Amino acid sequence: MKNIFETIKQEAELRGVDKAALKDGRNELSYSTLFQRVESAAEGLRGQGVAKGLRVALFCGDSIDYVISSLAVLALRAVVIPVSPSSAEHEVDALLERIGADFLLFDQALCTREGSPVAAGQFVEKKMLLAELEGGETPAGFTELNPAFVRFSSGTTGQSKGVLLSHEAIVERTDAADKGLQITSDDTVLWVLSMSYHFVVSILLFLRRGATICLCYDHFPLALLDSVKVGEGTFIYASPFHYYAMCESSGFAPDSLKNIRMAISTSMKLPDDTASAFAEKFGFELTEAYGIIEVGLPFLNRAADGARGSVGRILPDYEIKLLNEDEEGIGEIFIRGKGMFNAYVSPWKIFPKDDWFNAGDLGRIDENGNLFIAGRKKGLINFMGMKVFPGEVEAVLNAHPCVKESLVYGEPHPRYGQLPCARVVRCGDIDAMALKRYCLGELSPQKAPKSISFVERLPKTPSGKLRRNATMSGGGHEA
């Protein structure tokens, strides 16, 4: 049975372990030092009862110590359950109870729980404590799957089921993703994302290939700017928000990114205006990634072979099919391939190997094989039997100079089925009637919002995605 930490270690030893693995502007660890600290931390965890198959929730901020903690748990074949450091303690408690966690490994600065120190001196900056919990029933077949991670999604359309990945699945999906990313030991990755939401296909892949990971999340965008100024970085892994900030910042000169070979945009749909602004300022296209927790990273839109606005062509180790296509060729997206998830945890359900996975998205494929995402199936609005995709309407609203962001949803109606409605955060002086007229000039009548409410903020998940199942609650005023 595979172990992802042992795989990383073996592959690094083939290339040499003296080069930098992780740096954060204050600290730097070589691969050899990283492995030594992980193994010492693992021994500390083992001494406190952490063992194969036990579930360890990790509550820690993005840092070198987050990586050490995760790898130490994986080295013991225990199961990592990432917990967002932005979670309130009652949210952490609810997750621990739901997953039946056996231990909580946490940064003392984040939590008021009692716990025992783990491997003092092996962590870089944080004081990591371990608390033993009551645990819960282990589902039949759980341990036999060789579990490594249980990852709860952002919950944009409902409560997450908890996605289980085995060590074997992680090895397969990192190999599959690398056929598009093509990471080498010559790469220095500039990292700004949350490790609680992005780790398996990214951090673990970068370590497998012997790249250097430069953590630039502190005081963004200054930390990232400092890195590119000294010529560090060949690869950026970030969200559209980060690229928008780089476009707007006068600190980033047009030649700032001249050494970057690829800049990945992930975590949410890349807005066209951000893609255009980035290409115009820095002279190359962003690469949009379409990642799915259950699947991995099956699509990359590379400038050389993709169309802007699409998520590109499917990578070699995956297959795609569309079901129930309409007259415009838009259908339900199904994907299968290497590194698929092994099971849902809550409630427990093993996913059959080699089965097709329903991504929950609707899309179409053009004549060149590029996939265009039309929207979430669950978010689809049915107005008088006509389909309205919230993302399409939001793109129009967000393009207005007086709109900061928007959220479009379906309001039940006894005669029309659903009415497309919008909640809007303004950044200028405009009223609802003027915004409706603007939408009617850009969209067909059935797609234009029938009601627009102005709000101070929109409900979002911890990872920054719109929380669509919360659109019917909260304040706002009809204008």
Protein backbone atom coordinates (compact mmCIF):
# COMPACT_ATOMS: atom_id res chain seq x y z
CA MET A 1 0.00 0.00 0.00
CA LYS A 2 1.28 3.43 -0.92
CA ASN A 3 2.08 6.26 1.46
CA ILE A 4 2.21 9.75 -0.04
CA PHE A 5 4.86 10.98 2.41
CA GLU A 6 7.14 8.05 1.61
CA THR A 7 6.53 8.67 -2.10
CA ILE A 8 7.57 12.33 -1.71
CA LYS A 9 10.65 11.34 0.26
CA GLN A 10 11.76 8.64 -2.20
CA GLU A 11 11.32 10.89 -5.22
CA ALA A 12 13.20 13.75 -3.54
CA GLU A 13 16.12 11.48 -2.69
CA LEU A 14 16.54 10.67 -6.38
CA ARG A 15 17.11 14.38 -7.11
CA GLY A 16 18.99 15.35 -3.96
CA VAL A 17 17.58 16.75 -0.74
CA ASP A 18 19.75 19.80 -0.09
CA LYS A 19 17.68 22.32 -2.08
CA ALA A 20 14.99 24.49 -0.49
CA ALA A 21 11.58 22.89 -0.07
CA LEU A 22 9.70 25.66 1.77
CA LYS A 23 10.37 29.33 2.52
CA ASP A 24 8.22 32.11 3.89
CA GLY A 25 10.38 35.24 3.99
CA ARG A 26 11.57 34.49 7.53
CA ASN A 27 12.38 30.81 7.43
CA GLU A 28 13.69 28.30 4.91
CA LEU A 29 13.70 24.50 5.11
CA SER A 30 15.59 22.19 2.80
CA TYR A 31 14.04 18.89 1.80
CA SER A 32 16.35 17.01 4.15
CA THR A 33 15.41 19.26 7.09
CA LEU A 34 11.72 19.04 6.20
CA PHE A 35 11.83 15.23 6.22
CA GLN A 36 13.70 15.17 9.54
CA ARG A 37 11.15 17.48 11.17
CA VAL A 38 8.20 15.54 9.76
CA GLU A 39 9.57 12.25 11.08
CA SER A 40 10.25 13.75 14.52
CA ALA A 41 6.74 15.23 14.62
CA ALA A 42 5.31 11.87 13.56
CA GLU A 43 7.11 10.16 16.42
CA GLY A 44 5.65 12.72 18.80
CA LEU A 45 2.17 12.04 17.47
CA ARG A 46 2.71 8.27 17.62
CA GLY A 47 3.73 8.59 21.27
CA GLN A 48 0.37 10.23 22.00
CA GLY A 49 -1.66 7.52 20.32
CA VAL A 50 -2.03 8.63 16.70
CA ALA A 51 -2.01 5.52 14.51
CA LYS A 52 -3.12 4.11 11.18
CA GLY A 53 -6.71 4.89 10.22
CA LEU A 54 -7.37 7.33 13.06
CA ARG A 55 -8.90 10.68 12.08
CA VAL A 56 -6.85 13.77 12.93
CA ALA A 57 -8.44 17.18 12.40
CA LEU A 58 -5.82 19.83 11.62
CA PHE A 59 -6.60 23.38 12.81
CA CYS A 60 -3.67 25.54 11.78
CA GLY A 61 -2.97 28.64 9.73
CA ASP A 62 -1.15 28.56 6.40
CA SER A 63 2.51 28.07 7.18
CA ILE A 64 5.51 25.79 6.96
CA ASP A 65 4.18 24.21 10.15
CA TYR A 66 0.92 23.35 8.38
CA VAL A 67 2.92 21.31 5.87
CA ILE A 68 4.98 19.61 8.60
CA SER A 69 1.82 18.74 10.55
CA SER A 70 0.01 17.30 7.53
CA LEU A 71 2.94 15.19 6.41
CA ALA A 72 3.51 13.90 9.94
CA VAL A 73 -0.08 12.63 10.14
CA LEU A 74 0.19 11.10 6.68
CA ALA A 75 3.49 9.42 7.56
CA LEU A 76 1.64 7.46 10.26
CA ARG A 77 -1.15 6.52 7.81
CA ALA A 78 -3.56 8.47 9.97
CA VAL A 79 -6.14 10.63 8.20
CA VAL A 80 -5.85 14.40 7.82
CA ILE A 81 -9.08 16.41 8.12
CA PRO A 82 -8.26 20.05 7.25
CA VAL A 83 -10.16 22.68 9.23
CA SER A 84 -10.16 26.26 7.97
CA PRO A 85 -8.28 28.56 10.39
CA SER A 86 -11.05 31.12 9.89
CA SER A 87 -13.57 28.75 11.50
CA ALA A 88 -15.14 29.77 14.81
CA GLU A 89 -14.65 27.27 17.62
CA HIS A 90 -18.31 26.20 17.57
CA GLU A 91 -17.92 25.42 13.85
CA VAL A 92 -14.82 23.37 14.64
CA ASP A 93 -16.70 21.50 17.36
CA ALA A 94 -19.56 20.71 14.99
CA LEU A 95 -17.17 19.35 12.36
CA LEU A 96 -15.28 17.24 14.89
CA GLU A 97 -18.52 15.68 16.08
CA ARG A 98 -19.81 15.09 12.57
CA ILE A 99 -16.66 13.37 11.32
CA GLY A 100 -16.07 11.48 14.55
CA ALA A 101 -12.50 12.77 14.78
CA ASP A 102 -10.14 10.91 17.11
CA PHE A 103 -7.73 13.80 17.60
CA LEU A 104 -7.46 17.55 17.07
CA LEU A 105 -3.98 18.81 16.14
CA PHE A 106 -4.06 22.57 16.55
CA ASP A 107 -2.10 25.78 16.82
CA GLN A 108 -2.43 26.98 20.40
CA ALA A 109 -2.99 30.54 19.14
CA LEU A 110 -6.22 29.49 17.38
CA CYS A 111 -7.96 27.42 20.02
CA THR A 112 -8.79 27.51 23.73
CA ARG A 113 -8.86 23.72 24.09
CA GLU A 114 -6.49 21.87 26.35
CA GLY A 115 -3.88 19.78 24.61
CA SER A 116 -0.44 18.24 24.94
CA PRO A 117 2.57 19.76 23.14
CA VAL A 118 3.73 17.84 20.07
CA ALA A 119 7.40 17.44 19.14
CA ALA A 120 8.73 20.63 20.70
CA GLY A 121 11.44 22.18 18.54
CA GLN A 122 10.34 20.49 15.33
CA PHE A 123 7.90 23.19 14.28
CA VAL A 124 9.14 26.48 12.88
CA GLU A 125 6.96 29.08 14.61
CA LYS A 126 3.72 27.60 15.91
CA LYS A 127 3.11 25.73 19.14
CA MET A 128 1.20 22.67 18.02
CA LEU A 129 -0.92 20.82 20.57
CA LEU A 130 -2.78 17.51 20.33
CA ALA A 131 -6.13 16.87 22.01
CA GLU A 132 -7.59 13.36 22.15
CA LEU A 133 -11.31 13.26 21.37
CA GLU A 134 -14.07 10.73 21.90
CA GLY A 135 -13.98 9.70 18.27
CA GLY A 136 -16.80 7.95 16.52
CA GLU A 137 -17.77 4.78 14.78
CA THR A 138 -15.47 3.79 11.90
CA PRO A 139 -17.52 2.91 8.80
CA ALA A 140 -17.12 -0.56 7.31
CA GLY A 141 -14.31 -0.58 4.78
CA PHE A 142 -12.87 2.79 5.88
CA THR A 143 -9.42 1.57 6.97
CA GLU A 144 -9.15 -0.88 4.05
CA LEU A 145 -9.26 2.04 1.61
CA ASN A 146 -5.88 3.28 2.95
CA PRO A 147 -7.38 6.72 3.68
CA ALA A 148 -5.19 9.82 3.71
CA PHE A 149 -7.52 12.87 3.57
CA VAL A 150 -11.11 13.69 4.33
CA ARG A 151 -11.84 17.05 2.78
CA PHE A 152 -15.08 18.92 3.30
CA SER A 153 -16.03 21.15 0.37
CA SER A 154 -16.92 24.82 0.60
CA GLY A 155 -20.63 24.07 0.87
CA THR A 156 -21.84 26.50 -1.81
CA THR A 157 -25.03 24.55 -2.47
CA GLY A 158 -25.55 22.61 0.72
CA GLN A 159 -23.85 20.69 3.50
CA SER A 160 -20.69 18.94 2.34
CA LYS A 161 -20.55 15.17 2.47
CA GLY A 162 -16.84 14.90 3.24
CA VAL A 163 -14.66 13.51 0.43
CA LEU A 164 -12.24 10.71 1.27
CA LEU A 165 -9.00 10.29 -0.69
CA SER A 166 -6.66 7.35 -0.32
CA HIS A 167 -2.88 7.53 -0.60
CA GLU A 168 -3.18 5.77 -3.97
CA ALA A 169 -5.73 8.30 -5.23
CA ILE A 170 -3.43 11.18 -4.25
CA VAL A 171 -0.49 9.68 -6.12
CA GLU A 172 -2.65 9.10 -9.20
CA ARG A 173 -4.28 12.54 -9.26
CA THR A 174 -1.01 14.41 -8.70
CA ASP A 175 0.51 12.48 -11.61
CA ALA A 176 -2.56 13.24 -13.74
CA ALA A 177 -2.50 16.96 -12.90
CA ASP A 178 1.19 17.20 -13.66
CA LYS A 179 0.57 16.28 -17.28
CA GLY A 180 -0.82 19.80 -17.54
CA LEU A 181 1.20 21.67 -14.90
CA GLN A 182 4.56 20.03 -15.70
CA ILE A 183 6.24 20.91 -12.41
CA THR A 184 10.01 20.34 -12.15
CA SER A 185 12.69 20.78 -9.49
CA ASP A 186 13.67 24.01 -11.27
CA ASP A 187 10.32 25.59 -10.35
CA THR A 188 9.78 28.02 -7.52
CA VAL A 189 6.06 28.19 -6.78
CA LEU A 190 4.67 31.46 -5.42
CA TRP A 191 1.84 30.40 -3.10
CA VAL A 192 -0.97 32.65 -1.77
CA LEU A 193 -3.94 30.28 -1.28
CA SER A 194 -5.39 28.63 1.81
CA MET A 195 -3.84 25.23 2.48
CA SER A 196 -7.09 24.11 4.11
CA TYR A 197 -8.74 24.25 0.68
CA HIS A 198 -5.77 23.67 -1.63
CA PHE A 199 -3.20 21.04 -0.73
CA VAL A 200 -3.44 17.67 -2.41
CA VAL A 201 -3.15 18.48 -6.14
CA SER A 202 -0.91 21.46 -5.47
CA ILE A 203 1.36 21.36 -2.39
CA LEU A 204 1.84 17.59 -2.48
CA LEU A 205 2.52 17.66 -6.23
CA PHE A 206 5.08 20.46 -5.85
CA LEU A 207 6.88 18.47 -3.15
CA ARG A 208 6.79 15.29 -5.24
CA ARG A 209 8.56 17.10 -8.07
CA GLY A 210 11.16 18.73 -5.83
CA ALA A 211 10.01 22.31 -6.45
CA THR A 212 10.57 25.14 -3.97
CA ILE A 213 7.38 26.55 -2.45
CA CYS A 214 7.57 30.21 -1.51
CA LEU A 215 4.71 31.12 0.84
CA CYS A 216 3.58 34.66 0.00
CA TYR A 217 0.29 34.96 1.85
CA ASP A 218 1.47 37.33 4.60
CA HIS A 219 0.67 40.95 3.78
CA PHE A 220 -0.44 40.18 0.23
CA PRO A 221 0.44 41.55 -2.28
CA LEU A 222 3.67 42.88 -0.69
CA ALA A 223 5.12 39.42 0.04
CA LEU A 224 4.45 38.30 -3.52
CA LEU A 225 5.86 41.55 -4.85
CA ASP A 226 9.03 41.09 -2.80
CA SER A 227 9.48 37.62 -4.29
CA VAL A 228 9.08 38.68 -7.92
CA LYS A 229 11.32 41.72 -7.41
CA VAL A 230 14.29 39.52 -6.54
CA GLY A 231 13.58 37.26 -9.49
CA GLU A 232 12.10 34.41 -7.51
CA GLY A 233 9.25 32.43 -8.92
CA THR A 234 8.51 30.54 -12.09
CA PHE A 235 4.96 29.48 -11.25
CA ILE A 236 2.02 31.16 -9.47
CA TYR A 237 -0.95 29.33 -7.95
CA ALA A 238 -3.63 31.89 -6.99
CA SER A 239 -7.26 32.96 -7.28
CA PRO A 240 -8.83 35.59 -9.57
CA PHE A 241 -8.91 37.96 -6.58
CA HIS A 242 -5.12 37.84 -6.30
CA TYR A 243 -4.63 38.47 -10.02
CA TYR A 244 -7.09 41.37 -9.93
CA ALA A 245 -5.09 42.91 -7.06
CA MET A 246 -1.86 42.47 -9.03
CA CYS A 247 -3.39 44.20 -12.04
CA GLU A 248 -4.58 47.10 -9.89
CA SER A 249 -1.36 47.47 -7.88
CA SER A 250 1.13 50.03 -9.15
CA GLY A 251 3.84 48.04 -7.39
CA PHE A 252 3.67 45.36 -10.07
CA ALA A 253 5.39 46.68 -13.18
CA PRO A 254 4.52 45.10 -16.55
CA ASP A 255 7.81 43.18 -16.54
CA SER A 256 7.42 41.98 -12.94
CA LEU A 257 6.39 38.49 -14.00
CA LYS A 258 8.90 38.01 -16.81
CA ASN A 259 10.27 34.84 -15.16
CA ILE A 260 6.83 33.26 -14.62
CA ARG A 261 6.22 30.36 -17.01
CA MET A 262 2.65 29.67 -15.84
CA ALA A 263 0.13 31.48 -13.63
CA ILE A 264 -2.76 29.28 -12.51
CA SER A 265 -6.14 30.82 -11.68
CA THR A 266 -8.28 28.57 -9.52
CA SER A 267 -10.94 28.39 -6.76
CA MET A 268 -13.62 30.29 -8.74
CA LYS A 269 -14.56 31.32 -12.27
CA LEU A 270 -12.00 33.68 -13.81
CA PRO A 271 -13.82 36.90 -14.80
CA ASP A 272 -13.20 38.02 -18.37
CA ASP A 273 -12.17 41.51 -17.30
CA THR A 274 -9.52 40.13 -14.93
CA ALA A 275 -8.18 37.80 -17.65
CA SER A 276 -8.03 40.69 -20.12
CA ALA A 277 -6.42 43.11 -17.66
CA PHE A 278 -3.77 40.57 -16.68
CA ALA A 279 -2.87 39.71 -20.29
CA GLU A 280 -2.73 43.40 -21.23
CA LYS A 281 -0.52 44.36 -18.28
CA PHE A 282 1.84 41.38 -18.03
CA GLY A 283 1.90 40.15 -21.61
CA PHE A 284 0.73 36.55 -21.17
CA GLU A 285 -2.51 34.70 -20.47
CA LEU A 286 -3.61 33.27 -17.16
CA THR A 287 -4.16 29.50 -17.12
CA GLU A 288 -7.59 28.71 -15.70
CA ALA A 289 -7.88 25.44 -13.77
CA TYR A 290 -11.13 23.53 -13.29
CA GLY A 291 -10.70 21.52 -10.12
CA ILE A 292 -13.22 19.23 -8.44
CA ILE A 293 -12.62 17.79 -4.98
CA GLU A 294 -13.95 14.38 -5.99
CA VAL A 295 -11.97 14.24 -9.25
CA GLY A 296 -8.81 16.33 -9.02
CA LEU A 297 -7.69 18.70 -11.76
CA PRO A 298 -9.14 17.36 -15.03
CA PHE A 299 -9.06 20.60 -17.08
CA LEU A 300 -6.56 23.39 -17.79
CA ASN A 301 -7.14 26.27 -20.16
CA ARG A 302 -3.69 27.01 -21.55
CA ALA A 303 -3.37 30.00 -23.87
CA ALA A 304 -1.82 27.86 -26.59
CA ASP A 305 -4.71 25.43 -26.91
CA GLY A 306 -7.72 26.90 -25.12
CA ALA A 307 -10.28 29.59 -25.68
CA ARG A 308 -10.58 32.37 -23.12
CA GLY A 309 -13.73 31.88 -21.07
CA SER A 310 -13.45 28.10 -21.22
CA VAL A 311 -11.67 25.79 -18.79
CA GLY A 312 -9.75 24.29 -21.71
CA ARG A 313 -9.37 20.75 -22.90
CA ILE A 314 -9.50 17.66 -20.73
CA LEU A 315 -6.14 16.30 -19.55
CA PRO A 316 -4.97 12.92 -20.88
CA ASP A 317 -5.88 10.77 -17.87
CA TYR A 318 -9.54 11.82 -17.85
CA GLU A 319 -12.69 11.34 -19.90
CA ILE A 320 -15.75 13.57 -20.15
CA LYS A 321 -19.30 13.11 -21.41
CA LEU A 322 -22.34 15.38 -21.48
CA LEU A 323 -25.79 13.98 -20.77
CA ASN A 324 -29.22 15.44 -21.47
CA GLU A 325 -27.89 18.08 -23.84
CA ASP A 326 -30.27 20.86 -24.89
CA GLU A 327 -30.56 22.51 -28.29
CA GLU A 328 -27.49 24.65 -27.52
CA GLY A 329 -25.38 21.60 -26.68
CA ILE A 330 -25.42 22.32 -22.95
CA GLY A 331 -25.58 19.19 -20.85
CA GLU A 332 -24.72 17.68 -17.48
CA ILE A 333 -20.96 17.13 -17.04
CA PHE A 334 -19.76 13.64 -16.12
CA ILE A 335 -16.05 12.87 -15.62
CA ARG A 336 -13.95 9.84 -14.79
CA GLY A 337 -10.24 9.15 -14.65
CA LYS A 338 -7.24 8.57 -12.40
CA GLY A 339 -7.23 9.66 -8.79
CA MET A 340 -10.99 9.75 -8.31
CA PHE A 341 -12.20 9.98 -4.72
CA ASN A 342 -12.81 6.79 -2.79
CA ALA A 343 -15.89 7.55 -0.70
CA TYR A 344 -18.20 10.09 0.88
CA VAL A 345 -17.89 10.05 4.65
CA SER A 346 -21.07 11.72 5.91
CA PRO A 347 -23.17 9.77 5.12
CA TRP A 348 -20.78 6.90 4.32
CA LYS A 349 -20.84 5.77 0.70
CA ILE A 350 -18.01 4.11 -1.24
CA PHE A 351 -17.60 5.40 -4.80
CA PRO A 352 -17.22 2.54 -7.32
CA LYS A 353 -13.82 2.56 -9.00
CA ASP A 354 -13.89 3.59 -12.68
CA ASP A 355 -17.44 4.95 -12.34
CA TRP A 356 -18.52 8.26 -13.89
CA PHE A 357 -18.84 11.21 -11.51
CA ASN A 358 -21.61 13.78 -11.96
CA ALA A 359 -19.80 17.10 -11.50
CA GLY A 360 -23.05 18.94 -10.79
CA ASP A 361 -22.14 21.51 -13.46
CA LEU A 362 -23.70 22.19 -16.83
CA GLY A 363 -21.50 22.89 -19.83
CA ARG A 364 -20.85 22.60 -23.52
CA ILE A 365 -17.83 21.48 -25.54
CA ASP A 366 -16.82 23.44 -28.63
CA GLU A 367 -15.42 22.07 -31.88
CA ASN A 368 -11.86 22.26 -30.50
CA GLY A 369 -12.66 20.27 -27.38
CA ASN A 370 -12.76 23.24 -25.00
CA LEU A 371 -15.24 22.97 -22.13
CA PHE A 372 -17.35 26.01 -21.29
CA ILE A 373 -19.08 25.91 -17.89
CA ALA A 374 -22.62 27.26 -18.06
CA GLY A 375 -23.34 27.02 -14.33
CA ARG A 376 -24.31 24.72 -11.51
CA LYS A 377 -27.20 22.36 -12.19
CA LYS A 378 -28.58 23.07 -8.70
CA GLY A 379 -28.38 26.80 -9.32
CA LEU A 380 -30.16 26.67 -12.66
CA ILE A 381 -33.21 28.96 -12.78
CA ASN A 382 -36.28 27.74 -14.67
CA PHE A 383 -38.24 30.79 -15.84
CA MET A 384 -41.33 29.83 -17.85
CA GLY A 385 -39.55 26.66 -18.98
CA MET A 386 -36.46 28.61 -20.13
CA LYS A 387 -33.04 28.08 -18.58
CA VAL A 388 -31.31 30.97 -16.89
CA PHE A 389 -27.72 30.46 -15.72
CA PRO A 390 -26.91 32.66 -12.70
CA GLY A 391 -23.26 32.96 -13.68
CA GLU A 392 -24.14 34.50 -17.04
CA VAL A 393 -26.36 37.14 -15.45
CA GLU A 394 -23.81 37.83 -12.70
CA ALA A 395 -21.12 38.42 -15.33
CA VAL A 396 -23.29 41.13 -16.93
CA LEU A 397 -24.11 42.76 -13.59
CA ASN A 398 -20.50 42.67 -12.42
CA ALA A 399 -19.37 44.38 -15.62
CA HIS A 400 -21.32 47.52 -14.68
CA PRO A 401 -19.00 50.18 -13.20
CA CYS A 402 -21.34 50.76 -10.25
CA VAL A 403 -21.48 47.08 -9.25
CA LYS A 404 -18.87 45.51 -7.01
CA GLU A 405 -20.33 41.99 -7.03
CA SER A 406 -23.64 40.22 -7.40
CA LEU A 407 -25.48 37.00 -6.70
CA VAL A 408 -28.34 35.78 -8.90
CA TYR A 409 -30.89 33.24 -7.68
CA GLY A 410 -34.34 31.87 -8.45
CA GLU A 411 -37.33 33.14 -6.50
CA PRO A 412 -40.24 30.63 -6.56
CA HIS A 413 -43.31 31.89 -8.43
CA PRO A 414 -46.66 30.08 -8.78
CA ARG A 415 -47.12 31.04 -12.43
CA TYR A 416 -43.64 31.39 -13.89
CA GLY A 417 -41.82 28.68 -11.96
CA GLN A 418 -38.91 30.84 -10.82
CA LEU A 419 -38.06 34.50 -11.24
CA PRO A 420 -34.40 35.44 -11.76
CA CYS A 421 -33.53 37.85 -8.96
CA ALA A 422 -30.30 39.49 -7.88
CA ARG A 423 -28.59 40.77 -4.79
CA VAL A 424 -26.03 43.44 -5.58
CA VAL A 425 -23.21 45.13 -3.70
CA ARG A 426 -22.83 48.65 -5.15
CA CYS A 427 -19.62 50.59 -5.60
CA GLY A 428 -21.31 53.61 -7.22
CA ASP A 429 -24.55 55.54 -7.48
CA ILE A 430 -27.21 53.52 -9.31
CA ASP A 431 -30.75 52.43 -8.52
CA ALA A 432 -32.50 49.15 -9.23
CA MET A 433 -34.53 50.45 -12.17
CA ALA A 434 -31.44 51.75 -13.97
CA LEU A 435 -29.64 48.46 -13.36
CA LYS A 436 -32.61 46.49 -14.70
CA ARG A 437 -32.61 48.62 -17.87
CA TYR A 438 -28.89 47.99 -18.26
CA CYS A 439 -29.44 44.22 -17.97
CA LEU A 440 -32.24 44.31 -20.55
CA GLY A 441 -29.79 45.91 -22.96
CA GLU A 442 -27.25 43.11 -22.42
CA LEU A 443 -29.43 40.02 -21.90
CA SER A 444 -32.50 38.44 -23.41
CA PRO A 445 -35.69 39.43 -21.48
CA GLN A 446 -36.09 36.09 -19.68
CA LYS A 447 -32.56 36.32 -18.24
CA ALA A 448 -32.73 39.89 -16.92
CA PRO A 449 -33.33 40.09 -13.14
CA LYS A 450 -36.97 40.78 -12.25
CA SER A 451 -35.98 42.03 -8.80
CA ILE A 452 -32.75 43.64 -7.58
CA SER A 453 -31.91 44.12 -3.90
CA PHE A 454 -28.92 46.11 -2.70
CA VAL A 455 -26.94 44.65 0.18
CA GLU A 456 -23.78 45.54 2.10
CA ARG A 457 -22.20 42.13 1.51
CA LEU A 458 -22.96 38.74 -0.01
CA PRO A 459 -22.93 35.44 1.91
CA LYS A 460 -19.75 33.50 1.22
CA THR A 461 -18.08 30.28 2.26
CA PRO A 462 -14.76 30.31 4.16
CA SER A 463 -12.94 29.86 0.84
CA GLY A 464 -14.57 32.97 -0.62
CA LYS A 465 -17.16 31.37 -2.89
CA LEU A 466 -20.73 32.66 -3.03
CA ARG A 467 -22.97 30.70 -0.68
CA ARG A 468 -25.95 30.22 -2.97
CA ASN A 469 -28.09 28.36 -0.48
CA ALA A 470 -28.07 31.47 1.73
CA THR A 471 -29.53 33.89 -0.79
CA MET A 472 -33.00 33.86 0.69
CA SER A 473 -31.86 34.97 4.16
CA GLY A 474 -30.32 38.12 5.50
CA GLY A 475 -30.88 41.80 4.95
CA GLY A 476 -30.97 44.01 1.92
CA HIS A 477 -33.45 46.47 0.56
CA GLU A 478 -35.53 46.54 -2.56
CA ALA A 479 -34.90 49.73 -4.51
